[in-house]
Amino acid sequence: MKLASWNVNGLRACLGKGFLDYVRAEDPDVLCLQETKLQPEQAVFELEGYHRYFHSADKKGYSGTAILTKTEPLSVTLDFGGDIHRHEGRIITAEYPDFYLVCCYTPNSQDGLRRLDYRMQWEDDLRAYLLELDAVKPVVYCGDLNVAHREIDLKNPQSNRQNPGFSDQERAKMTELLAAGFTDTFRFLYPAAVGIYSWWSYRFHARENNAGWRIDYFIVSDRLRSRIAAAEIRTEVFGSDHCPVVLELR
């Protein structure tokens, strides 16, 4: 089974930059999207063979997630936890016979870490939610998680320390999640790989210079490790400031 995840930074814009060509070439069984920035009725495009589930933020043109899947899930749930987490369209959970798939667009801590307190609450509540699901069946958790976990996950760790996405607090929450029984699939297969990123700033020719960050992930319950056949980052795919990440399960 092939699963792909992509922060498209505006699906309507990405549709004009090769989105459908990528999907047809990759041919994933499931495609998770983040930062769709649209309402479901605005998702007008031809893509045969996929069931579509869109979750939009209350604020139009902001955030948003989607799951496109060839196999109809047993159930689909939007959001999680308390009301504080239920207005930005950041979570879709699809239940399949042998796992839960959680598509996530994690809140950014923002400049000056002014949203860090909320981000910490999000991380704790989301981890509790994943563990609830994991108690029933294994979990595949994916998306733009807005954190570079280790120094090898970004080009310039020293100058970015305590910037949003590379604060000690955010990195510690990722460590806590993995310690709770989850595996970062890319690092599982490539523990020492450097220079492979999934996001580049539009400024300073960052992508041209490969000054990037690895902030897009597939994370799975530890007991799915034996099913990891491939975990790849499609750095050659353009159309967004992020590139797709891919997981293949046996």
C-alpha atoms as a PDB file:
ATOM      1  CA  MET A   1       0.000   0.000   0.000  1.00  0.00           C
ATOM      2  CA  LYS A   2       1.388   3.376  -1.005  1.00  0.00           C
ATOM      3  CA  LEU A   3       0.512   6.477   0.988  1.00  0.00           C
ATOM      4  CA  ALA A   4       1.625  10.014   0.137  1.00  0.00           C
ATOM      5  CA  SER A   5       1.381  13.288   2.031  1.00  0.00           C
ATOM      6  CA  TRP A   6       1.865  16.815   0.699  1.00  0.00           C
ATOM      7  CA  ASN A   7       1.477  20.314   2.079  1.00  0.00           C
ATOM      8  CA  VAL A   8       0.256  21.944  -1.128  1.00  0.00           C
ATOM      9  CA  ASN A   9       0.272  25.536   0.224  1.00  0.00           C
ATOM     10  CA  GLY A  10      -3.058  26.272  -1.460  1.00  0.00           C
ATOM     11  CA  LEU A  11      -4.595  23.459  -3.504  1.00  0.00           C
ATOM     12  CA  ARG A  12      -6.052  25.753  -6.147  1.00  0.00           C
ATOM     13  CA  ALA A  13      -2.609  27.240  -6.764  1.00  0.00           C
ATOM     14  CA  CYS A  14      -0.974  23.811  -6.768  1.00  0.00           C
ATOM     15  CA  LEU A  15      -3.475  22.562  -9.359  1.00  0.00           C
ATOM     16  CA  GLY A  16      -1.888  25.053 -11.735  1.00  0.00           C
ATOM     17  CA  LYS A  17       1.615  23.826 -10.888  1.00  0.00           C
ATOM     18  CA  GLY A  18       1.419  20.135 -11.756  1.00  0.00           C
ATOM     19  CA  PHE A  19      -0.591  18.681  -8.867  1.00  0.00           C
ATOM     20  CA  LEU A  20      -2.614  16.273 -11.014  1.00  0.00           C
ATOM     21  CA  ASP A  21       0.469  15.240 -12.983  1.00  0.00           C
ATOM     22  CA  TYR A  22       2.178  14.330  -9.719  1.00  0.00           C
ATOM     23  CA  VAL A  23      -0.781  12.321  -8.426  1.00  0.00           C
ATOM     24  CA  ARG A  24      -1.120  10.373 -11.662  1.00  0.00           C
ATOM     25  CA  ALA A  25       2.614   9.638 -11.743  1.00  0.00           C
ATOM     26  CA  GLU A  26       2.847   8.659  -8.064  1.00  0.00           C
ATOM     27  CA  ASP A  27      -0.474   6.790  -8.140  1.00  0.00           C
ATOM     28  CA  PRO A  28      -0.800   6.515  -4.352  1.00  0.00           C
ATOM     29  CA  ASP A  29      -3.523   4.449  -2.757  1.00  0.00           C
ATOM     30  CA  VAL A  30      -4.033   7.316  -0.314  1.00  0.00           C
ATOM     31  CA  LEU A  31      -2.987  10.967  -0.598  1.00  0.00           C
ATOM     32  CA  CYS A  32      -3.110  13.265   2.425  1.00  0.00           C
ATOM     33  CA  LEU A  33      -3.018  17.024   1.887  1.00  0.00           C
ATOM     34  CA  GLN A  34      -2.323  19.907   4.207  1.00  0.00           C
ATOM     35  CA  GLU A  35      -2.827  23.656   3.875  1.00  0.00           C
ATOM     36  CA  THR A  36      -5.498  23.225   1.204  1.00  0.00           C
ATOM     37  CA  LYS A  37      -6.807  26.768   1.883  1.00  0.00           C
ATOM     38  CA  LEU A  38     -10.236  26.126   0.404  1.00  0.00           C
ATOM     39  CA  GLN A  39     -13.802  25.085   1.125  1.00  0.00           C
ATOM     40  CA  PRO A  40     -14.885  21.633  -0.134  1.00  0.00           C
ATOM     41  CA  GLU A  41     -17.055  23.111  -2.898  1.00  0.00           C
ATOM     42  CA  GLN A  42     -13.971  24.900  -4.272  1.00  0.00           C
ATOM     43  CA  ALA A  43     -12.119  21.620  -4.839  1.00  0.00           C
ATOM     44  CA  VAL A  44     -13.028  21.349  -8.516  1.00  0.00           C
ATOM     45  CA  PHE A  45     -10.750  18.979 -10.434  1.00  0.00           C
ATOM     46  CA  GLU A  46     -10.908  15.660 -12.252  1.00  0.00           C
ATOM     47  CA  LEU A  47      -9.230  12.736 -10.515  1.00  0.00           C
ATOM     48  CA  GLU A  48     -10.838   9.389 -11.160  1.00  0.00           C
ATOM     49  CA  GLY A  49     -10.838   6.574  -8.653  1.00  0.00           C
ATOM     50  CA  TYR A  50     -10.521   8.511  -5.383  1.00  0.00           C
ATOM     51  CA  HIS A  51     -12.965   9.124  -2.564  1.00  0.00           C
ATOM     52  CA  ARG A  52     -12.472  12.683  -1.303  1.00  0.00           C
ATOM     53  CA  TYR A  53     -12.688  14.024   2.234  1.00  0.00           C
ATOM     54  CA  PHE A  54     -12.017  17.710   2.857  1.00  0.00           C
ATOM     55  CA  HIS A  55     -11.833  19.513   6.186  1.00  0.00           C
ATOM     56  CA  SER A  56     -11.737  23.304   6.068  1.00  0.00           C
ATOM     57  CA  ALA A  57     -10.974  25.928   8.671  1.00  0.00           C
ATOM     58  CA  ASP A  58     -13.693  28.259   9.903  1.00  0.00           C
ATOM     59  CA  LYS A  59     -11.569  31.077   8.481  1.00  0.00           C
ATOM     60  CA  LYS A  60     -11.760  30.920   4.693  1.00  0.00           C
ATOM     61  CA  GLY A  61      -8.498  30.602   2.783  1.00  0.00           C
ATOM     62  CA  TYR A  62      -6.624  29.300   5.836  1.00  0.00           C
ATOM     63  CA  SER A  63      -5.202  25.932   6.852  1.00  0.00           C
ATOM     64  CA  GLY A  64      -7.301  22.901   5.854  1.00  0.00           C
ATOM     65  CA  THR A  65      -6.633  19.212   5.235  1.00  0.00           C
ATOM     66  CA  ALA A  66      -7.873  16.514   2.875  1.00  0.00           C
ATOM     67  CA  ILE A  67      -7.649  12.780   2.274  1.00  0.00           C
ATOM     68  CA  LEU A  68      -8.009  11.302  -1.208  1.00  0.00           C
ATOM     69  CA  THR A  69      -8.276   7.520  -1.048  1.00  0.00           C
ATOM     70  CA  LYS A  70      -8.922   4.726  -3.526  1.00  0.00           C
ATOM     71  CA  THR A  71     -10.421   2.534  -0.809  1.00  0.00           C
ATOM     72  CA  GLU A  72     -13.394   3.931   1.054  1.00  0.00           C
ATOM     73  CA  PRO A  73     -12.540   4.079   4.775  1.00  0.00           C
ATOM     74  CA  LEU A  74     -14.652   2.349   7.394  1.00  0.00           C
ATOM     75  CA  SER A  75     -15.135   5.769   9.005  1.00  0.00           C
ATOM     76  CA  VAL A  76     -13.858   9.329   8.747  1.00  0.00           C
ATOM     77  CA  THR A  77     -13.571  11.681  11.728  1.00  0.00           C
ATOM     78  CA  LEU A  78     -12.824  15.395  11.641  1.00  0.00           C
ATOM     79  CA  ASP A  79     -10.820  17.057  14.432  1.00  0.00           C
ATOM     80  CA  PHE A  80     -10.139  15.673  17.907  1.00  0.00           C
ATOM     81  CA  GLY A  81     -10.240  16.710  21.545  1.00  0.00           C
ATOM     82  CA  GLY A  82     -11.799  19.870  22.938  1.00  0.00           C
ATOM     83  CA  ASP A  83     -13.329  22.838  21.179  1.00  0.00           C
ATOM     84  CA  ILE A  84     -10.020  24.693  21.113  1.00  0.00           C
ATOM     85  CA  HIS A  85      -8.749  22.253  18.449  1.00  0.00           C
ATOM     86  CA  ARG A  86     -11.877  22.244  16.297  1.00  0.00           C
ATOM     87  CA  HIS A  87     -11.808  25.415  14.206  1.00  0.00           C
ATOM     88  CA  GLU A  88      -8.780  25.279  11.901  1.00  0.00           C
ATOM     89  CA  GLY A  89      -9.391  22.119   9.843  1.00  0.00           C
ATOM     90  CA  ARG A  90      -6.142  20.505  10.929  1.00  0.00           C
ATOM     91  CA  ILE A  91      -7.000  16.837  11.499  1.00  0.00           C
ATOM     92  CA  ILE A  92      -8.746  14.119   9.498  1.00  0.00           C
ATOM     93  CA  THR A  93      -8.760  10.518  10.752  1.00  0.00           C
ATOM     94  CA  ALA A  94      -9.659   7.704   8.349  1.00  0.00           C
ATOM     95  CA  GLU A  95     -10.209   4.221   9.737  1.00  0.00           C
ATOM     96  CA  TYR A  96      -9.121   1.258   7.613  1.00  0.00           C
ATOM     97  CA  PRO A  97      -9.466  -2.423   8.521  1.00  0.00           C
ATOM     98  CA  ASP A  98      -5.973  -2.753   9.981  1.00  0.00           C
ATOM     99  CA  PHE A  99      -4.945   0.810  10.931  1.00  0.00           C
ATOM    100  CA  TYR A 100      -6.031   4.377  11.560  1.00  0.00           C
ATOM    101  CA  LEU A 101      -4.671   7.075   9.262  1.00  0.00           C
ATOM    102  CA  VAL A 102      -4.338  10.542  10.831  1.00  0.00           C
ATOM    103  CA  CYS A 103      -3.670  13.419   8.413  1.00  0.00           C
ATOM    104  CA  CYS A 104      -2.379  16.431  10.323  1.00  0.00           C
ATOM    105  CA  TYR A 105      -1.393  20.047   9.729  1.00  0.00           C
ATOM    106  CA  THR A 106       0.272  21.018  12.998  1.00  0.00           C
ATOM    107  CA  PRO A 107      -0.114  24.638  14.171  1.00  0.00           C
ATOM    108  CA  ASN A 108       2.967  26.797  13.658  1.00  0.00           C
ATOM    109  CA  SER A 109       4.393  28.379  16.812  1.00  0.00           C
ATOM    110  CA  GLN A 110       4.728  31.647  14.850  1.00  0.00           C
ATOM    111  CA  ASP A 111       7.303  34.412  15.070  1.00  0.00           C
ATOM    112  CA  GLY A 112       8.652  34.969  18.540  1.00  0.00           C
ATOM    113  CA  LEU A 113       7.075  31.631  19.547  1.00  0.00           C
ATOM    114  CA  ARG A 114       3.959  33.618  20.413  1.00  0.00           C
ATOM    115  CA  ARG A 115       1.744  30.581  19.852  1.00  0.00           C
ATOM    116  CA  LEU A 116       4.049  28.148  21.629  1.00  0.00           C
ATOM    117  CA  ASP A 117       1.762  27.661  24.650  1.00  0.00           C
ATOM    118  CA  TYR A 118      -1.061  26.540  22.373  1.00  0.00           C
ATOM    119  CA  ARG A 119       1.354  24.387  20.386  1.00  0.00           C
ATOM    120  CA  MET A 120       2.391  22.602  23.591  1.00  0.00           C
ATOM    121  CA  GLN A 121      -1.244  21.926  24.474  1.00  0.00           C
ATOM    122  CA  TRP A 122      -1.860  20.696  20.941  1.00  0.00           C
ATOM    123  CA  GLU A 123       1.092  18.299  21.161  1.00  0.00           C
ATOM    124  CA  ASP A 124      -0.025  16.831  24.482  1.00  0.00           C
ATOM    125  CA  ASP A 125      -3.653  16.453  23.422  1.00  0.00           C
ATOM    126  CA  LEU A 126      -2.755  15.052  20.021  1.00  0.00           C
ATOM    127  CA  ARG A 127      -0.380  12.504  21.550  1.00  0.00           C
ATOM    128  CA  ALA A 128      -3.147  11.393  23.914  1.00  0.00           C
ATOM    129  CA  TYR A 129      -5.496  11.046  20.917  1.00  0.00           C
ATOM    130  CA  LEU A 130      -2.983   8.967  18.961  1.00  0.00           C
ATOM    131  CA  LEU A 131      -2.500   6.687  21.963  1.00  0.00           C
ATOM    132  CA  GLU A 132      -6.266   6.239  22.264  1.00  0.00           C
ATOM    133  CA  LEU A 133      -6.398   5.139  18.641  1.00  0.00           C
ATOM    134  CA  ASP A 134      -3.308   2.961  19.055  1.00  0.00           C
ATOM    135  CA  ALA A 135      -5.023   1.066  21.854  1.00  0.00           C
ATOM    136  CA  VAL A 136      -7.593  -0.090  19.268  1.00  0.00           C
ATOM    137  CA  LYS A 137      -5.430  -0.645  16.173  1.00  0.00           C
ATOM    138  CA  PRO A 138      -2.100   0.645  14.800  1.00  0.00           C
ATOM    139  CA  VAL A 139      -1.779   4.255  13.665  1.00  0.00           C
ATOM    140  CA  VAL A 140      -0.238   5.905  10.614  1.00  0.00           C
ATOM    141  CA  TYR A 141       0.234   9.591  11.451  1.00  0.00           C
ATOM    142  CA  CYS A 142       1.334  11.926   8.688  1.00  0.00           C
ATOM    143  CA  GLY A 143       1.506  15.480   7.485  1.00  0.00           C
ATOM    144  CA  ASP A 144       3.243  18.788   7.964  1.00  0.00           C
ATOM    145  CA  LEU A 145       4.170  18.485  11.638  1.00  0.00           C
ATOM    146  CA  ASN A 146       6.010  21.817  11.694  1.00  0.00           C
ATOM    147  CA  VAL A 147       9.084  20.583  13.542  1.00  0.00           C
ATOM    148  CA  ALA A 148      12.569  19.520  12.510  1.00  0.00           C
ATOM    149  CA  HIS A 149      13.274  16.902  15.151  1.00  0.00           C
ATOM    150  CA  ARG A 150      17.052  16.610  14.996  1.00  0.00           C
ATOM    151  CA  GLU A 151      19.902  18.828  13.866  1.00  0.00           C
ATOM    152  CA  ILE A 152      20.353  16.695  10.745  1.00  0.00           C
ATOM    153  CA  ASP A 153      16.744  17.529   9.796  1.00  0.00           C
ATOM    154  CA  LEU A 154      17.576  21.082   8.683  1.00  0.00           C
ATOM    155  CA  LYS A 155      20.409  22.803   6.867  1.00  0.00           C
ATOM    156  CA  ASN A 156      21.293  25.440   9.462  1.00  0.00           C
ATOM    157  CA  PRO A 157      20.500  24.151  12.966  1.00  0.00           C
ATOM    158  CA  GLN A 158      22.685  26.542  14.927  1.00  0.00           C
ATOM    159  CA  SER A 159      21.251  29.748  13.482  1.00  0.00           C
ATOM    160  CA  ASN A 160      17.679  28.412  13.708  1.00  0.00           C
ATOM    161  CA  ARG A 161      17.685  27.214  17.294  1.00  0.00           C
ATOM    162  CA  GLN A 162      14.603  28.510  19.155  1.00  0.00           C
ATOM    163  CA  ASN A 163      13.026  29.620  15.901  1.00  0.00           C
ATOM    164  CA  PRO A 164       9.508  28.268  15.182  1.00  0.00           C
ATOM    165  CA  GLY A 165       9.786  24.613  14.229  1.00  0.00           C
ATOM    166  CA  PHE A 166      13.186  24.158  15.863  1.00  0.00           C
ATOM    167  CA  SER A 167      12.611  25.227  19.430  1.00  0.00           C
ATOM    168  CA  ASP A 168      13.794  22.943  22.196  1.00  0.00           C
ATOM    169  CA  GLN A 169      10.191  22.625  23.368  1.00  0.00           C
ATOM    170  CA  GLU A 170       8.800  21.464  20.014  1.00  0.00           C
ATOM    171  CA  ARG A 171      11.639  19.027  19.462  1.00  0.00           C
ATOM    172  CA  ALA A 172      11.105  17.592  22.949  1.00  0.00           C
ATOM    173  CA  LYS A 173       7.436  16.950  22.157  1.00  0.00           C
ATOM    174  CA  MET A 174       8.444  14.952  19.086  1.00  0.00           C
ATOM    175  CA  THR A 175      10.870  12.964  21.220  1.00  0.00           C
ATOM    176  CA  GLU A 176       8.063  12.323  23.706  1.00  0.00           C
ATOM    177  CA  LEU A 177       5.738  11.112  20.951  1.00  0.00           C
ATOM    178  CA  LEU A 178       8.285   8.681  19.555  1.00  0.00           C
ATOM    179  CA  ALA A 179       9.076   7.389  23.051  1.00  0.00           C
ATOM    180  CA  ALA A 180       5.372   6.660  23.546  1.00  0.00           C
ATOM    181  CA  GLY A 181       5.502   3.904  20.941  1.00  0.00           C
ATOM    182  CA  PHE A 182       5.852   5.488  17.507  1.00  0.00           C
ATOM    183  CA  THR A 183       8.465   5.388  14.736  1.00  0.00           C
ATOM    184  CA  ASP A 184       9.642   8.102  12.338  1.00  0.00           C
ATOM    185  CA  THR A 185       9.644   5.977   9.179  1.00  0.00           C
ATOM    186  CA  PHE A 186      12.222   8.007   7.238  1.00  0.00           C
ATOM    187  CA  ARG A 187      14.726   7.968  10.100  1.00  0.00           C
ATOM    188  CA  PHE A 188      13.994   4.282  10.699  1.00  0.00           C
ATOM    189  CA  LEU A 189      15.276   3.504   7.200  1.00  0.00           C
ATOM    190  CA  TYR A 190      17.803   6.335   6.894  1.00  0.00           C
ATOM    191  CA  PRO A 191      19.086   7.116  10.396  1.00  0.00           C
ATOM    192  CA  ALA A 192      22.048   9.205   9.263  1.00  0.00           C
ATOM    193  CA  ALA A 193      20.840  10.687   5.958  1.00  0.00           C
ATOM    194  CA  VAL A 194      21.618  14.387   5.612  1.00  0.00           C
ATOM    195  CA  GLY A 195      20.649  17.039   3.097  1.00  0.00           C
ATOM    196  CA  ILE A 196      17.190  15.573   2.410  1.00  0.00           C
ATOM    197  CA  TYR A 197      14.446  18.050   3.234  1.00  0.00           C
ATOM    198  CA  SER A 198      10.724  18.523   2.595  1.00  0.00           C
ATOM    199  CA  TRP A 199      10.301  22.305   2.975  1.00  0.00           C
ATOM    200  CA  TRP A 200      12.249  25.322   1.746  1.00  0.00           C
ATOM    201  CA  SER A 201      11.536  28.993   2.344  1.00  0.00           C
ATOM    202  CA  TYR A 202      10.575  31.014  -0.708  1.00  0.00           C
ATOM    203  CA  ARG A 203      13.219  33.524   0.375  1.00  0.00           C
ATOM    204  CA  PHE A 204      16.981  33.630  -0.216  1.00  0.00           C
ATOM    205  CA  HIS A 205      16.918  31.019  -3.019  1.00  0.00           C
ATOM    206  CA  ALA A 206      16.518  28.396  -0.304  1.00  0.00           C
ATOM    207  CA  ARG A 207      15.384  25.570  -2.554  1.00  0.00           C
ATOM    208  CA  GLU A 208      18.026  26.331  -5.161  1.00  0.00           C
ATOM    209  CA  ASN A 209      20.624  26.107  -2.371  1.00  0.00           C
ATOM    210  CA  ASN A 210      18.881  23.193  -0.638  1.00  0.00           C
ATOM    211  CA  ALA A 211      18.686  25.195   2.592  1.00  0.00           C
ATOM    212  CA  GLY A 212      15.693  23.212   3.775  1.00  0.00           C
ATOM    213  CA  TRP A 213      13.956  21.558   6.700  1.00  0.00           C
ATOM    214  CA  ARG A 214      12.476  18.071   7.069  1.00  0.00           C
ATOM    215  CA  ILE A 215       9.135  18.861   8.713  1.00  0.00           C
ATOM    216  CA  ASP A 216       6.812  16.506   6.799  1.00  0.00           C
ATOM    217  CA  TYR A 217       6.553  13.003   8.204  1.00  0.00           C
ATOM    218  CA  PHE A 218       5.049   9.559   8.170  1.00  0.00           C
ATOM    219  CA  ILE A 219       5.075   8.262  11.746  1.00  0.00           C
ATOM    220  CA  VAL A 220       3.683   4.822  12.568  1.00  0.00           C
ATOM    221  CA  SER A 221       2.958   2.710  15.602  1.00  0.00           C
ATOM    222  CA  ASP A 222       6.065   0.733  16.496  1.00  0.00           C
ATOM    223  CA  ARG A 223       4.347  -2.549  15.707  1.00  0.00           C
ATOM    224  CA  LEU A 224       4.062  -1.465  12.047  1.00  0.00           C
ATOM    225  CA  ARG A 225       7.844  -1.267  11.666  1.00  0.00           C
ATOM    226  CA  SER A 226       8.011  -4.680   9.998  1.00  0.00           C
ATOM    227  CA  ARG A 227       5.595  -3.438   7.338  1.00  0.00           C
ATOM    228  CA  ILE A 228       7.690  -0.414   6.285  1.00  0.00           C
ATOM    229  CA  ALA A 229       8.794  -1.173   2.726  1.00  0.00           C
ATOM    230  CA  ALA A 230       9.849   2.362   1.731  1.00  0.00           C
ATOM    231  CA  ALA A 231       9.867   5.906   3.101  1.00  0.00           C
ATOM    232  CA  GLU A 232      10.814   8.528   0.558  1.00  0.00           C
ATOM    233  CA  ILE A 233      10.908  12.312   0.154  1.00  0.00           C
ATOM    234  CA  ARG A 234      10.137  13.499  -3.382  1.00  0.00           C
ATOM    235  CA  THR A 235      12.531  16.443  -3.484  1.00  0.00           C
ATOM    236  CA  GLU A 236      12.232  16.587  -7.282  1.00  0.00           C
ATOM    237  CA  VAL A 237       8.526  17.491  -7.136  1.00  0.00           C
ATOM    238  CA  PHE A 238       7.681  21.182  -7.262  1.00  0.00           C
ATOM    239  CA  GLY A 239       4.342  22.998  -7.020  1.00  0.00           C
ATOM    240  CA  SER A 240       4.586  24.091  -3.380  1.00  0.00           C
ATOM    241  CA  ASP A 241       7.197  25.208  -0.876  1.00  0.00           C
ATOM    242  CA  HIS A 242       6.920  21.640   0.442  1.00  0.00           C
ATOM    243  CA  CYS A 243       7.460  18.420  -1.495  1.00  0.00           C
ATOM    244  CA  PRO A 244       5.538  15.163  -1.066  1.00  0.00           C
ATOM    245  CA  VAL A 245       6.615  12.414   1.312  1.00  0.00           C
ATOM    246  CA  VAL A 246       5.738   8.784   0.648  1.00  0.00           C
ATOM    247  CA  LEU A 247       5.324   5.641   2.728  1.00  0.00           C
ATOM    248  CA  GLU A 248       4.933   2.127   1.357  1.00  0.00           C
ATOM    249  CA  LEU A 249       3.581  -0.581   3.644  1.00  0.00           C
ATOM    250  CA  ARG A 250       3.852  -4.284   2.943  1.00  0.00           C
END
